[in-house]
Amino acid sequence: MRSLLYIVAVILVIGWLVGVFAYSATGLIHALLVIAIIAFILALIRPSTTV
């Protein structure tokens, strides 16, 4: 589950970068960045559950 959050965070950050530099979008791209940051912080806070 932890690696899934990292993958989602990376995808959202890449989407944000593409949006900022290529399309100069406003609200949606910044919302994606916030979601990516939240996912990354949750991945750091939650304990590792590897078996």
N, C-alpha and C. Protein backbone atom coordinates (compact mmCIF):
# COMPACT_ATOMS: atom_id res chain seq x y z
N MET A 1 0.83 -1.20 0.00
CA MET A 1 0.00 0.00 0.00
C MET A 1 0.87 1.26 0.00
N ARG A 2 2.01 1.17 0.67
CA ARG A 2 2.88 2.34 0.75
C ARG A 2 3.45 2.69 -0.62
N SER A 3 3.85 1.68 -1.37
CA SER A 3 4.40 1.96 -2.70
C SER A 3 3.32 2.53 -3.62
N LEU A 4 2.08 2.12 -3.42
CA LEU A 4 0.99 2.66 -4.22
C LEU A 4 0.83 4.16 -3.98
N LEU A 5 0.96 4.58 -2.73
CA LEU A 5 0.86 6.01 -2.42
C LEU A 5 2.01 6.79 -3.06
N TYR A 6 3.20 6.21 -3.07
CA TYR A 6 4.33 6.87 -3.72
C TYR A 6 4.09 7.00 -5.22
N ILE A 7 3.56 5.95 -5.84
CA ILE A 7 3.28 6.00 -7.27
C ILE A 7 2.26 7.07 -7.58
N VAL A 8 1.19 7.13 -6.79
CA VAL A 8 0.16 8.16 -7.00
C VAL A 8 0.74 9.55 -6.81
N ALA A 9 1.57 9.73 -5.79
CA ALA A 9 2.18 11.03 -5.53
C ALA A 9 3.08 11.46 -6.69
N VAL A 10 3.88 10.53 -7.20
CA VAL A 10 4.77 10.86 -8.32
C VAL A 10 3.97 11.21 -9.56
N ILE A 11 2.93 10.45 -9.85
CA ILE A 11 2.10 10.74 -11.02
C ILE A 11 1.45 12.11 -10.90
N LEU A 12 0.96 12.44 -9.73
CA LEU A 12 0.31 13.74 -9.54
C LEU A 12 1.31 14.89 -9.63
N VAL A 13 2.51 14.70 -9.11
CA VAL A 13 3.52 15.76 -9.21
C VAL A 13 3.93 15.95 -10.67
N ILE A 14 4.10 14.87 -11.40
CA ILE A 14 4.43 14.99 -12.82
C ILE A 14 3.32 15.70 -13.57
N GLY A 15 2.08 15.35 -13.27
CA GLY A 15 0.95 16.04 -13.89
C GLY A 15 0.93 17.52 -13.56
N TRP A 16 1.29 17.85 -12.32
CA TRP A 16 1.33 19.26 -11.94
C TRP A 16 2.43 20.00 -12.70
N LEU A 17 3.59 19.39 -12.80
CA LEU A 17 4.69 20.03 -13.53
C LEU A 17 4.34 20.24 -14.99
N VAL A 18 3.74 19.24 -15.62
CA VAL A 18 3.33 19.37 -17.02
C VAL A 18 2.31 20.50 -17.16
N GLY A 19 1.37 20.55 -16.24
CA GLY A 19 0.34 21.59 -16.30
C GLY A 19 0.91 22.99 -16.11
N VAL A 20 1.83 23.12 -15.17
CA VAL A 20 2.39 24.45 -14.89
C VAL A 20 3.25 24.94 -16.05
N PHE A 21 4.11 24.06 -16.55
CA PHE A 21 5.06 24.51 -17.57
C PHE A 21 4.49 24.48 -18.99
N ALA A 22 3.57 23.58 -19.28
CA ALA A 22 3.07 23.46 -20.64
C ALA A 22 1.77 24.22 -20.87
N TYR A 23 0.86 24.11 -19.95
CA TYR A 23 -0.48 24.67 -20.19
C TYR A 23 -0.78 25.88 -19.32
N SER A 24 0.00 26.09 -18.27
CA SER A 24 -0.22 27.22 -17.38
C SER A 24 -1.64 27.23 -16.83
N ALA A 25 -2.10 26.06 -16.43
CA ALA A 25 -3.44 25.92 -15.84
C ALA A 25 -3.44 26.48 -14.42
N THR A 26 -4.62 26.69 -13.88
CA THR A 26 -4.69 27.32 -12.55
C THR A 26 -5.15 26.35 -11.47
N GLY A 27 -6.43 26.23 -11.23
CA GLY A 27 -6.96 25.54 -10.06
C GLY A 27 -6.73 24.05 -10.03
N LEU A 28 -7.02 23.35 -11.10
CA LEU A 28 -6.97 21.89 -11.10
C LEU A 28 -5.55 21.38 -10.86
N ILE A 29 -4.58 21.99 -11.50
CA ILE A 29 -3.21 21.52 -11.38
C ILE A 29 -2.69 21.73 -9.96
N HIS A 30 -3.04 22.82 -9.35
CA HIS A 30 -2.59 23.07 -7.98
C HIS A 30 -3.30 22.15 -7.00
N ALA A 31 -4.54 21.79 -7.29
CA ALA A 31 -5.24 20.82 -6.46
C ALA A 31 -4.55 19.46 -6.55
N LEU A 32 -4.07 19.09 -7.75
CA LEU A 32 -3.33 17.84 -7.90
C LEU A 32 -2.05 17.87 -7.08
N LEU A 33 -1.38 18.98 -7.04
CA LEU A 33 -0.16 19.10 -6.24
C LEU A 33 -0.46 18.92 -4.76
N VAL A 34 -1.53 19.52 -4.29
CA VAL A 34 -1.91 19.39 -2.88
C VAL A 34 -2.22 17.93 -2.55
N ILE A 35 -2.93 17.24 -3.44
CA ILE A 35 -3.25 15.83 -3.22
C ILE A 35 -1.97 15.00 -3.19
N ALA A 36 -1.03 15.31 -4.07
CA ALA A 36 0.24 14.57 -4.10
C ALA A 36 1.01 14.78 -2.80
N ILE A 37 1.05 15.99 -2.30
CA ILE A 37 1.76 16.27 -1.06
C ILE A 37 1.10 15.55 0.11
N ILE A 38 -0.23 15.55 0.16
CA ILE A 38 -0.95 14.86 1.22
C ILE A 38 -0.68 13.36 1.17
N ALA A 39 -0.69 12.79 -0.04
CA ALA A 39 -0.41 11.35 -0.17
C ALA A 39 0.99 11.03 0.30
N PHE A 40 1.96 11.87 -0.02
CA PHE A 40 3.35 11.65 0.40
C PHE A 40 3.48 11.75 1.91
N ILE A 41 2.83 12.72 2.52
CA ILE A 41 2.90 12.88 3.98
C ILE A 41 2.24 11.69 4.67
N LEU A 42 1.10 11.24 4.15
CA LEU A 42 0.44 10.07 4.73
C LEU A 42 1.33 8.84 4.64
N ALA A 43 2.05 8.70 3.53
CA ALA A 43 2.95 7.55 3.37
C ALA A 43 4.09 7.62 4.39
N LEU A 44 4.53 8.80 4.74
CA LEU A 44 5.60 8.94 5.72
C LEU A 44 5.10 8.71 7.15
N ILE A 45 3.87 9.13 7.41
CA ILE A 45 3.32 9.04 8.77
C ILE A 45 2.90 7.62 9.11
N ARG A 46 2.24 6.94 8.17
CA ARG A 46 1.73 5.60 8.44
C ARG A 46 2.89 4.64 8.63
N PRO A 47 2.75 3.73 9.60
CA PRO A 47 3.81 2.74 9.82
C PRO A 47 3.86 1.74 8.68
N SER A 48 5.04 1.24 8.43
CA SER A 48 5.23 0.24 7.37
C SER A 48 4.59 -1.07 7.78
N THR A 49 3.80 -1.66 6.87
CA THR A 49 3.10 -2.91 7.19
C THR A 49 3.59 -4.03 6.30
N THR A 50 4.89 -4.08 6.06
CA THR A 50 5.44 -5.15 5.23
C THR A 50 5.50 -6.43 6.04
N VAL A 51 5.20 -7.53 5.40
CA VAL A 51 5.16 -8.82 6.10
C VAL A 51 6.36 -9.65 5.73
